[in-house]
Amino acid sequence: MGRFRHLVIGFCILATILAPAVHAQTRQPNATLAAGLAELNRGNVFEAIRTFKEIVRVEPSSPAASFYLSGLYTGMGRYGTAYSYLKTAMKDNPAQGAYDHQLGLIRRNVGCRPEALSAFQQALKAGMGKDEASVWRQIGDLQVDLLDWDKALDAYQNVLRLQPNDASAHLAIGRFYLDRNDPQRAVSELRTALESAPPPDGVYSSLGRAYRALGDLESAVSILQKGVERNPADQDSLYMLGQVLLALGRGKDGKRTMDEYQSLRDRLSRTNSLFESAIERAQSGELDRSEGLLKEALRIAPRYAPALQALGAVQLNRGNTQGALEMLKQAQASNPLDSETYFDMGTAYLRSGRLSEAMDMTLRARTLDEEDPRYQTLLGEIYSKMNKTAESRAAFDLGRELQSRPGYRPADPYASEMRHRDDSATVKTICGYDADK
């Protein structure tokens, strides 16, 4: 659920930052676009996607709706789809800084850093207005990735020139000074980052490290304890806290903390191992064994959405329709933007004879992913059960057409998290080179 909340926050920020730039230079059905933005700002991301897609359906060249969809699919990790929508948005309005910024985000996420940097630099040339700092922040992060520390520092300083209280920039500069063995200046930057609400991830462990480098172990303990209290799963803070306690001669407390750290690492490793083994078993047809492994993974991490979805799929294919629905509803609550979960729920409702619910879930799956022929085929089956012959035939025909397209590969029902990982052809399209070379 935490990952979804971060997505919602990111989407709301996206709407706030980019709406003025897009609205200023585009002609749109504003009332409908406003409705989509309202849903987005309320955290109803699925409803926002549905609204924006309806705009695109009515007006295929709609740049604003396509642009927002690009940002949303970027947040979902669907970079090929995001790029496709961005190309539509850029067709009639190519010279907008917001579009170049979005292109840079997509490129960075698929791993082509120099091309991403070029897009961000173009965004600055085109103009980002009051949102220039967000571009400089991305440039700084990219320069860190490219190991060009001095240019990264320049970029973060540009962020602070525009937004003096930007916590992420202070955190980045603090880490820069830590790596340059200047803990005193690091502490100053990191304490400023800590004053933001909420503090950025990683600031507690970085500040604890800086205090430790200064020899101020008591301050290090104090700040690291606050970091662990705020997030008990903060492995960096927990490990460093144990080390500092041991250095202070507090052996009992240090050993207990290190034991907690090791236990946390073991739980995370065990969960990942169980999940990966379960998927392998399911893919080889050992569904009973897979179900047992997934249940064990969920015993350790009860809200792990990929495991909930996979267990629902396994139970569905073992004939346990009711059990599958219970798991899939939990998966949907943890991640309302997984089309595979909705597809499985649609299948389960169809098998239960609940045609209205089956239709609703399958249409949700299709809204999120219009290119998957399985969703159209399932719609055809549902329409057939409803005695809607024309609609059934049309859905089956579209499913066959999608399946016949070049490059189509049947989806793996047990690895939905991997289904949309972009291959080298997609990366080449986005970035202009072959990622495998």
Protein backbone atom coordinates (compact mmCIF):
# COMPACT_ATOMS: atom_id res chain seq x y z
CA MET A 1 0.00 0.00 0.00
CA GLY A 2 2.92 2.34 0.69
CA ARG A 3 4.09 2.18 -2.91
CA PHE A 4 0.63 3.15 -4.16
CA ARG A 5 0.47 6.13 -1.78
CA HIS A 6 3.80 7.31 -3.19
CA LEU A 7 2.36 7.00 -6.71
CA VAL A 8 -0.70 9.04 -5.76
CA ILE A 9 1.45 11.75 -4.19
CA GLY A 10 3.67 11.80 -7.27
CA PHE A 11 0.69 12.07 -9.61
CA CYS A 12 -0.79 14.94 -7.60
CA ILE A 13 2.55 16.74 -7.74
CA LEU A 14 2.65 16.09 -11.48
CA ALA A 15 -0.77 17.71 -11.89
CA THR A 16 0.21 20.72 -9.80
CA ILE A 17 3.52 21.28 -11.57
CA LEU A 18 2.52 20.69 -15.17
CA ALA A 19 -1.10 21.81 -15.50
CA PRO A 20 -0.31 25.51 -16.08
CA ALA A 21 2.27 24.77 -18.79
CA VAL A 22 -0.09 22.45 -20.67
CA HIS A 23 -3.26 24.52 -20.30
CA ALA A 24 -1.53 27.66 -21.45
CA GLN A 25 -0.79 26.32 -24.91
CA THR A 26 -3.47 23.71 -25.66
CA ARG A 27 -7.09 23.68 -26.75
CA GLN A 28 -9.03 21.13 -24.70
CA PRO A 29 -12.52 20.19 -23.54
CA ASN A 30 -11.66 21.93 -20.27
CA ALA A 31 -14.60 20.75 -18.18
CA THR A 32 -13.75 17.10 -18.81
CA LEU A 33 -10.03 17.72 -18.36
CA ALA A 34 -10.78 19.55 -15.13
CA ALA A 35 -12.80 16.54 -13.96
CA GLY A 36 -9.82 14.26 -14.59
CA LEU A 37 -7.49 16.58 -12.71
CA ALA A 38 -9.97 16.76 -9.84
CA GLU A 39 -9.99 12.96 -9.59
CA LEU A 40 -6.20 12.97 -9.69
CA ASN A 41 -5.93 15.50 -6.89
CA ARG A 42 -8.36 13.45 -4.81
CA GLY A 43 -6.09 10.43 -5.23
CA ASN A 44 -8.51 8.59 -7.54
CA VAL A 45 -5.85 7.69 -10.08
CA PHE A 46 -7.86 5.02 -11.88
CA GLU A 47 -10.80 7.39 -12.39
CA ALA A 48 -8.40 10.03 -13.68
CA ILE A 49 -6.98 7.57 -16.21
CA ARG A 50 -10.47 6.63 -17.34
CA THR A 51 -11.42 10.31 -17.78
CA PHE A 52 -8.28 11.23 -19.70
CA LYS A 53 -8.67 8.20 -21.97
CA GLU A 54 -12.25 9.20 -22.74
CA ILE A 55 -10.97 12.61 -23.82
CA VAL A 56 -8.38 10.96 -26.08
CA ARG A 57 -11.06 8.67 -27.54
CA VAL A 58 -13.24 11.65 -28.45
CA GLU A 59 -10.34 13.83 -29.57
CA PRO A 60 -7.40 11.52 -30.47
CA SER A 61 -4.91 14.36 -30.88
CA SER A 62 -5.76 15.84 -27.46
CA PRO A 63 -2.31 16.93 -26.20
CA ALA A 64 -3.20 17.70 -22.59
CA ALA A 65 -4.99 14.42 -21.88
CA SER A 66 -2.24 12.45 -23.65
CA PHE A 67 0.38 14.31 -21.66
CA TYR A 68 -1.26 13.50 -18.34
CA LEU A 69 -1.64 9.87 -19.35
CA SER A 70 2.08 9.81 -20.16
CA GLY A 71 2.87 11.02 -16.67
CA LEU A 72 0.52 8.52 -15.06
CA TYR A 73 1.89 5.55 -16.98
CA THR A 74 5.42 6.69 -16.15
CA GLY A 75 4.50 6.51 -12.48
CA MET A 76 3.12 3.02 -13.03
CA GLY A 77 6.37 1.85 -14.64
CA ARG A 78 4.76 1.41 -18.08
CA TYR A 79 7.33 3.38 -20.01
CA GLY A 80 6.49 2.19 -23.51
CA THR A 81 2.87 3.26 -23.06
CA ALA A 82 3.99 6.52 -21.44
CA TYR A 83 6.22 7.31 -24.42
CA SER A 84 3.43 6.57 -26.88
CA TYR A 85 1.12 9.06 -25.17
CA LEU A 86 3.90 11.63 -24.95
CA LYS A 87 4.55 11.38 -28.70
CA THR A 88 0.88 12.15 -29.30
CA ALA A 89 1.06 15.15 -27.00
CA MET A 90 4.21 16.46 -28.69
CA LYS A 91 2.88 16.10 -32.22
CA ASP A 92 1.13 19.47 -32.29
CA ASN A 93 3.02 21.16 -29.45
CA PRO A 94 6.65 20.01 -29.69
CA ALA A 95 8.34 23.07 -28.16
CA GLN A 96 7.19 22.83 -24.56
CA GLY A 97 9.54 22.45 -21.66
CA ALA A 98 7.04 20.29 -19.78
CA TYR A 99 7.07 17.75 -22.61
CA ASP A 100 10.88 17.62 -22.71
CA HIS A 101 10.89 17.20 -18.94
CA GLN A 102 8.52 14.24 -19.25
CA LEU A 103 10.67 12.74 -22.01
CA GLY A 104 13.68 13.02 -19.73
CA LEU A 105 11.83 11.17 -16.95
CA ILE A 106 10.88 8.32 -19.28
CA ARG A 107 14.38 8.03 -20.69
CA ARG A 108 15.96 8.04 -17.26
CA ASN A 109 13.63 5.30 -16.05
CA VAL A 110 14.52 3.00 -18.95
CA GLY A 111 18.22 3.57 -18.31
CA CYS A 112 19.45 5.87 -21.07
CA ARG A 113 21.03 8.61 -18.98
CA PRO A 114 22.85 10.78 -21.56
CA GLU A 115 19.66 10.97 -23.64
CA ALA A 116 17.65 11.82 -20.52
CA LEU A 117 20.13 14.55 -19.66
CA SER A 118 19.74 15.97 -23.16
CA ALA A 119 15.96 16.08 -22.76
CA PHE A 120 16.18 17.85 -19.39
CA GLN A 121 18.60 20.40 -20.80
CA GLN A 122 16.20 21.00 -23.69
CA ALA A 123 13.41 21.52 -21.15
CA LEU A 124 15.44 24.31 -19.55
CA LYS A 125 16.02 25.91 -22.95
CA ALA A 126 12.34 25.72 -23.83
CA GLY A 127 11.45 27.17 -20.44
CA MET A 128 9.95 25.65 -17.32
CA GLY A 129 8.97 28.86 -15.55
CA LYS A 130 8.51 28.42 -11.82
CA ASP A 131 9.08 24.67 -12.20
CA GLU A 132 12.69 25.04 -13.34
CA ALA A 133 13.93 23.69 -10.00
CA SER A 134 12.34 20.29 -10.63
CA VAL A 135 14.37 19.96 -13.83
CA TRP A 136 17.60 20.93 -12.12
CA ARG A 137 16.87 18.33 -9.45
CA GLN A 138 16.56 15.64 -12.11
CA ILE A 139 19.78 16.83 -13.74
CA GLY A 140 21.57 16.61 -10.41
CA ASP A 141 20.36 13.07 -9.82
CA LEU A 142 21.44 12.10 -13.33
CA GLN A 143 24.91 13.57 -12.86
CA VAL A 144 25.24 11.51 -9.68
CA ASP A 145 24.29 8.42 -11.71
CA LEU A 146 26.92 9.44 -14.28
CA LEU A 147 29.51 9.97 -11.48
CA ASP A 148 30.04 13.61 -12.45
CA TRP A 149 29.98 14.93 -8.89
CA ASP A 150 30.92 18.54 -9.59
CA LYS A 151 28.17 18.98 -12.17
CA ALA A 152 25.74 17.29 -9.80
CA LEU A 153 26.65 19.81 -7.08
CA ASP A 154 26.14 22.68 -9.52
CA ALA A 155 22.71 21.34 -10.41
CA TYR A 156 21.61 20.98 -6.79
CA GLN A 157 22.88 24.47 -6.02
CA ASN A 158 20.71 25.71 -8.88
CA VAL A 159 17.76 24.01 -7.19
CA LEU A 160 18.49 25.87 -3.97
CA ARG A 161 18.96 29.14 -5.85
CA LEU A 162 15.36 28.72 -7.03
CA GLN A 163 13.93 26.95 -3.97
CA PRO A 164 16.15 27.54 -0.92
CA ASN A 165 14.19 25.12 1.27
CA ASP A 166 14.20 22.17 -1.13
CA ALA A 167 14.82 19.21 1.19
CA SER A 168 15.91 16.72 -1.48
CA ALA A 169 18.58 19.13 -2.76
CA HIS A 170 19.91 19.72 0.77
CA LEU A 171 19.99 15.94 1.29
CA ALA A 172 21.86 15.41 -1.97
CA ILE A 173 24.41 18.11 -1.17
CA GLY A 174 24.83 16.71 2.33
CA ARG A 175 25.62 13.31 0.89
CA PHE A 176 28.03 14.98 -1.56
CA TYR A 177 30.00 16.48 1.34
CA LEU A 178 29.92 13.19 3.22
CA ASP A 179 31.49 11.43 0.25
CA ARG A 180 34.09 14.23 0.09
CA ASN A 181 35.00 13.69 3.77
CA ASP A 182 33.56 17.02 4.88
CA PRO A 183 31.12 15.90 7.60
CA GLN A 184 30.79 19.37 9.18
CA ARG A 185 29.30 20.87 6.02
CA ALA A 186 27.29 17.69 5.53
CA VAL A 187 25.66 18.09 8.95
CA SER A 188 24.57 21.63 8.10
CA GLU A 189 22.89 20.55 4.86
CA LEU A 190 21.35 17.41 6.34
CA ARG A 191 19.88 19.21 9.35
CA THR A 192 18.21 21.64 6.97
CA ALA A 193 16.77 18.69 5.02
CA LEU A 194 15.56 17.15 8.28
CA GLU A 195 13.50 20.25 9.09
CA SER A 196 11.17 19.66 6.14
CA ALA A 197 7.80 18.00 6.66
CA PRO A 198 7.99 15.16 6.02
CA PRO A 199 11.78 14.66 5.97
CA PRO A 200 13.08 12.97 2.80
CA ASP A 201 13.88 9.27 2.86
CA GLY A 202 17.47 8.58 3.83
CA VAL A 203 18.11 11.79 5.76
CA TYR A 204 18.28 10.10 9.18
CA SER A 205 20.86 7.52 8.16
CA SER A 206 22.93 10.15 6.32
CA LEU A 207 22.89 12.52 9.28
CA GLY A 208 23.77 9.68 11.63
CA ARG A 209 26.70 8.83 9.39
CA ALA A 210 27.84 12.47 9.42
CA TYR A 211 27.71 12.70 13.23
CA ARG A 212 29.62 9.45 13.45
CA ALA A 213 32.30 10.82 11.12
CA LEU A 214 32.60 13.87 13.41
CA GLY A 215 33.00 11.61 16.43
CA ASP A 216 29.72 12.83 17.96
CA LEU A 217 28.39 9.37 18.70
CA GLU A 218 25.66 10.46 21.12
CA SER A 219 24.10 12.73 18.49
CA ALA A 220 24.42 9.90 15.98
CA VAL A 221 22.52 7.54 18.31
CA SER A 222 19.80 10.11 18.92
CA ILE A 223 19.14 10.84 15.25
CA LEU A 224 19.37 7.20 14.18
CA GLN A 225 16.89 6.16 16.86
CA LYS A 226 14.47 8.75 15.53
CA GLY A 227 14.94 7.34 12.04
CA VAL A 228 14.15 3.80 13.20
CA GLU A 229 11.12 5.02 15.17
CA ARG A 230 9.82 6.76 12.06
CA ASN A 231 10.45 3.74 9.84
CA PRO A 232 11.25 0.41 11.56
CA ALA A 233 12.19 -1.03 8.14
CA ASP A 234 14.98 1.54 7.60
CA GLN A 235 17.83 -0.94 7.27
CA ASP A 236 20.56 1.69 6.89
CA SER A 237 19.60 3.51 10.08
CA LEU A 238 19.16 0.27 12.00
CA TYR A 239 22.56 -1.11 10.96
CA MET A 240 24.38 2.14 11.69
CA LEU A 241 22.64 2.50 15.03
CA GLY A 242 23.88 -0.93 16.05
CA GLN A 243 27.42 -0.07 15.00
CA VAL A 244 27.44 3.24 16.87
CA LEU A 245 26.03 1.65 20.03
CA LEU A 246 28.79 -0.94 19.94
CA ALA A 247 31.40 1.80 19.43
CA LEU A 248 30.03 3.55 22.53
CA GLY A 249 30.57 0.40 24.56
CA ARG A 250 26.85 -0.26 24.88
CA GLY A 251 27.30 -3.89 23.92
CA LYS A 252 23.91 -5.20 25.00
CA ASP A 253 21.96 -2.49 23.15
CA GLY A 254 24.24 -2.73 20.14
CA LYS A 255 23.89 -6.51 19.89
CA ARG A 256 20.10 -6.29 20.24
CA THR A 257 19.95 -3.68 17.48
CA MET A 258 22.20 -5.69 15.19
CA ASP A 259 20.02 -8.74 15.83
CA GLU A 260 16.96 -6.68 14.80
CA TYR A 261 18.78 -5.58 11.66
CA GLN A 262 19.72 -9.15 10.75
CA SER A 263 16.18 -10.35 11.45
CA LEU A 264 14.75 -7.66 9.16
CA ARG A 265 17.20 -8.56 6.39
CA ASP A 266 16.38 -12.24 6.78
CA ARG A 267 12.61 -11.56 6.58
CA LEU A 268 12.98 -9.48 3.43
CA SER A 269 15.30 -12.03 1.83
CA ARG A 270 13.01 -14.90 2.82
CA THR A 271 9.96 -13.14 1.39
CA ASN A 272 11.68 -12.45 -1.93
CA SER A 273 13.02 -15.99 -2.14
CA LEU A 274 9.62 -17.53 -1.40
CA PHE A 275 7.91 -15.32 -3.97
CA GLU A 276 10.43 -16.07 -6.71
CA SER A 277 10.25 -19.81 -6.00
CA ALA A 278 6.45 -19.68 -6.01
CA ILE A 279 6.38 -18.01 -9.43
CA GLU A 280 8.79 -20.60 -10.83
CA ARG A 281 6.60 -23.42 -9.46
CA ALA A 282 3.45 -21.87 -10.92
CA GLN A 283 5.08 -21.41 -14.31
CA SER A 284 6.07 -25.10 -14.32
CA GLY A 285 2.52 -26.17 -13.43
CA GLU A 286 3.14 -27.06 -9.77
CA LEU A 287 0.23 -24.96 -8.53
CA ASP A 288 -0.22 -26.73 -5.20
CA ARG A 289 3.42 -26.15 -4.26
CA SER A 290 3.24 -22.57 -5.53
CA GLU A 291 0.20 -21.85 -3.37
CA GLY A 292 1.98 -23.06 -0.26
CA LEU A 293 5.02 -20.90 -0.95
CA LEU A 294 2.90 -17.81 -1.59
CA LYS A 295 0.97 -18.31 1.63
CA GLU A 296 4.25 -18.55 3.53
CA ALA A 297 5.48 -15.33 1.86
CA LEU A 298 2.27 -13.57 2.86
CA ARG A 299 2.58 -14.81 6.42
CA ILE A 300 5.82 -12.82 6.59
CA ALA A 301 4.58 -9.83 4.54
CA PRO A 302 0.74 -9.82 4.61
CA ARG A 303 0.27 -6.78 2.33
CA TYR A 304 2.77 -7.72 -0.38
CA ALA A 305 0.60 -6.93 -3.44
CA PRO A 306 2.48 -9.05 -6.05
CA ALA A 307 2.17 -12.13 -3.83
CA LEU A 308 -1.53 -11.43 -3.18
CA GLN A 309 -2.16 -11.15 -6.92
CA ALA A 310 -0.13 -14.26 -7.74
CA LEU A 311 -1.88 -16.28 -5.03
CA GLY A 312 -5.24 -15.17 -6.39
CA ALA A 313 -4.23 -16.28 -9.88
CA VAL A 314 -2.98 -19.64 -8.61
CA GLN A 315 -6.15 -20.29 -6.60
CA LEU A 316 -8.28 -19.27 -9.57
CA ASN A 317 -6.51 -21.80 -11.78
CA ARG A 318 -6.88 -24.45 -9.08
CA GLY A 319 -10.65 -23.93 -9.10
CA ASN A 320 -10.89 -22.07 -5.79
CA THR A 321 -12.89 -19.13 -7.13
CA GLN A 322 -13.99 -17.70 -3.78
CA GLY A 323 -10.54 -17.94 -2.26
CA ALA A 324 -9.09 -16.29 -5.37
CA LEU A 325 -11.52 -13.39 -5.09
CA GLU A 326 -10.59 -12.80 -1.47
CA MET A 327 -6.89 -12.61 -2.35
CA LEU A 328 -7.47 -10.48 -5.44
CA LYS A 329 -9.56 -7.95 -3.52
CA GLN A 330 -6.68 -7.53 -1.10
CA ALA A 331 -4.25 -7.16 -4.02
CA GLN A 332 -6.53 -4.56 -5.60
CA ALA A 333 -6.67 -2.60 -2.35
CA SER A 334 -2.85 -2.59 -2.17
CA ASN A 335 -2.41 -1.70 -5.85
CA PRO A 336 -5.52 -0.39 -7.66
CA LEU A 337 -3.55 0.07 -10.89
CA ASP A 338 -2.72 -3.54 -11.81
CA SER A 339 -4.70 -4.61 -14.87
CA GLU A 340 -3.88 -8.29 -14.26
CA THR A 341 -5.64 -8.19 -10.89
CA TYR A 342 -8.80 -6.81 -12.48
CA PHE A 343 -8.61 -9.40 -15.26
CA ASP A 344 -8.38 -12.23 -12.75
CA MET A 345 -11.26 -10.77 -10.76
CA GLY A 346 -13.32 -10.52 -13.94
CA THR A 347 -12.59 -14.19 -14.67
CA ALA A 348 -13.54 -15.20 -11.12
CA TYR A 349 -16.82 -13.28 -11.24
CA LEU A 350 -17.66 -14.81 -14.62
CA ARG A 351 -17.12 -18.29 -13.24
CA SER A 352 -19.38 -17.39 -10.32
CA GLY A 353 -22.12 -16.21 -12.68
CA ARG A 354 -21.86 -12.61 -11.46
CA LEU A 355 -21.85 -11.03 -14.89
CA SER A 356 -22.23 -7.39 -13.87
CA GLU A 357 -19.18 -7.56 -11.58
CA ALA A 358 -17.29 -9.54 -14.23
CA MET A 359 -17.98 -6.82 -16.78
CA ASP A 360 -16.94 -4.01 -14.43
CA MET A 361 -13.62 -5.66 -13.50
CA THR A 362 -12.76 -6.59 -17.08
CA LEU A 363 -13.50 -3.09 -18.34
CA ARG A 364 -11.16 -1.78 -15.65
CA ALA A 365 -8.44 -4.13 -16.88
CA ARG A 366 -9.01 -2.94 -20.44
CA THR A 367 -8.92 0.71 -19.37
CA LEU A 368 -5.46 0.22 -17.91
CA ASP A 369 -4.16 -1.90 -20.81
CA GLU A 370 -5.96 -1.69 -24.13
CA GLU A 371 -3.43 -3.85 -25.98
CA ASP A 372 -3.93 -7.16 -24.16
CA PRO A 373 -6.09 -9.48 -26.30
CA ARG A 374 -7.08 -11.59 -23.28
CA TYR A 375 -9.16 -8.74 -21.93
CA GLN A 376 -11.11 -8.47 -25.17
CA THR A 377 -11.62 -12.23 -25.27
CA LEU A 378 -12.96 -12.21 -21.72
CA LEU A 379 -15.30 -9.35 -22.63
CA GLY A 380 -16.50 -11.46 -25.56
CA GLU A 381 -17.30 -14.32 -23.20
CA ILE A 382 -19.15 -12.04 -20.79
CA TYR A 383 -21.17 -10.41 -23.57
CA SER A 384 -22.03 -13.87 -24.86
CA LYS A 385 -23.38 -14.87 -21.44
CA MET A 386 -25.44 -11.68 -21.47
CA ASN A 387 -26.84 -12.61 -24.90
CA LYS A 388 -25.30 -9.51 -26.45
CA THR A 389 -24.27 -11.16 -29.70
CA ALA A 390 -23.03 -8.13 -31.61
CA GLU A 391 -20.91 -6.85 -28.72
CA SER A 392 -19.54 -10.35 -28.13
CA ARG A 393 -18.54 -10.76 -31.77
CA ALA A 394 -16.86 -7.34 -31.84
CA ALA A 395 -14.87 -8.09 -28.68
CA PHE A 396 -13.71 -11.48 -29.97
CA ASP A 397 -12.73 -9.94 -33.31
CA LEU A 398 -10.68 -7.22 -31.63
CA GLY A 399 -9.01 -9.81 -29.39
CA ARG A 400 -7.95 -11.83 -32.44
CA GLU A 401 -6.71 -8.69 -34.18
CA LEU A 402 -4.59 -7.69 -31.17
CA GLN A 403 -3.19 -11.21 -30.92
CA SER A 404 -2.16 -11.18 -34.60
CA ARG A 405 -0.12 -7.99 -34.34
CA PRO A 406 3.65 -8.32 -34.92
CA GLY A 407 5.63 -8.77 -31.75
CA TYR A 408 2.72 -10.06 -29.67
CA ARG A 409 3.75 -12.48 -26.95
CA PRO A 410 1.28 -14.29 -24.67
CA ALA A 411 1.33 -12.86 -21.16
CA ASP A 412 2.59 -14.90 -18.24
CA PRO A 413 -0.36 -14.95 -15.79
CA TYR A 414 1.94 -15.57 -12.84
CA ALA A 415 4.38 -12.73 -13.39
CA SER A 416 2.23 -9.65 -13.88
CA GLU A 417 4.89 -7.44 -12.29
CA MET A 418 7.23 -8.36 -15.14
CA ARG A 419 4.76 -8.10 -18.00
CA HIS A 420 5.45 -4.48 -18.82
CA ARG A 421 9.19 -4.39 -18.32
CA ASP A 422 10.45 -2.69 -21.43
CA ASP A 423 12.55 -4.77 -23.80
CA SER A 424 15.49 -3.51 -25.84
CA ALA A 425 13.28 -2.62 -28.82
CA THR A 426 11.19 -0.31 -26.65
CA VAL A 427 14.29 1.28 -25.13
CA LYS A 428 15.72 1.83 -28.59
CA THR A 429 12.52 3.57 -29.65
CA ILE A 430 12.57 5.84 -26.62
CA CYS A 431 16.29 6.54 -26.53
CA GLY A 432 17.59 5.89 -30.00
CA TYR A 433 19.99 3.07 -29.22
CA ASP A 434 20.03 -0.63 -28.39
CA ALA A 435 20.22 -1.12 -24.63
CA ASP A 436 21.76 -4.56 -25.05
CA LYS A 437 24.89 -3.21 -26.75
